[in-house]
Protein backbone atom coordinates (compact mmCIF):
# COMPACT_ATOMS: atom_id res chain seq x y z
CA UNK A 1 81.21 33.70 -132.62
CA UNK A 2 83.81 35.74 -130.82
CA UNK A 3 87.35 36.13 -132.10
CA UNK A 4 88.59 34.57 -128.84
CA UNK A 5 86.52 31.42 -129.45
CA UNK A 6 87.67 31.22 -133.06
CA UNK A 7 91.30 31.41 -131.89
CA UNK A 8 90.73 28.65 -129.30
CA UNK A 9 89.13 26.41 -131.92
CA UNK A 10 91.93 27.11 -134.38
CA UNK A 11 94.57 26.20 -131.77
CA UNK A 12 92.75 22.97 -130.94
CA UNK A 13 92.58 22.01 -134.62
CA UNK A 14 96.28 22.78 -135.07
CA UNK A 15 97.18 20.69 -132.03
CA UNK A 16 94.99 17.82 -133.28
CA UNK A 17 96.65 17.90 -136.71
CA UNK A 18 100.13 18.03 -135.19
CA UNK A 19 99.35 15.15 -132.81
CA UNK A 20 98.21 12.93 -135.68
CA UNK A 21 100.98 13.98 -138.07
CA UNK A 22 103.67 13.41 -135.45
CA UNK A 23 101.97 10.33 -133.91
CA UNK A 24 102.52 12.09 -130.60
CA UNK A 25 100.43 10.51 -127.79
CA UNK A 26 101.11 13.39 -125.40
CA UNK A 27 99.62 15.90 -127.84
CA UNK A 28 96.68 13.55 -128.52
CA UNK A 29 95.96 13.45 -124.77
CA UNK A 30 96.21 17.24 -124.61
CA UNK A 31 93.70 17.88 -127.38
CA UNK A 32 91.09 15.22 -126.49
CA UNK A 33 88.89 15.00 -123.42
CA UNK A 34 90.16 12.37 -120.96
CA UNK A 35 87.07 10.20 -121.61
CA UNK A 36 87.25 10.45 -125.41
CA UNK A 37 87.85 7.29 -127.43
CA UNK A 38 89.50 7.09 -130.82
CA UNK A 39 88.65 4.14 -133.04
CA UNK A 40 89.77 3.15 -136.48
CA UNK A 41 91.43 0.48 -138.53
CA UNK A 42 95.06 -0.56 -138.23
CA UNK A 43 96.41 -3.29 -140.48
CA UNK A 44 92.86 -4.25 -141.44
CA UNK A 45 91.61 -4.64 -137.87
CA UNK A 46 89.24 -2.35 -136.00
CA UNK A 47 90.93 -0.95 -132.92
């Protein structure tokens, strides 16, 4: 894998972590594809 691709992946991972840590919806939208869906549990309910 090229160094350029590794850097792009690293930046995407950093942005993902920051978006989750900060609960920042703008960063979440930036890091995920527009058709991506995030699911999980909140207060015991699947969302």
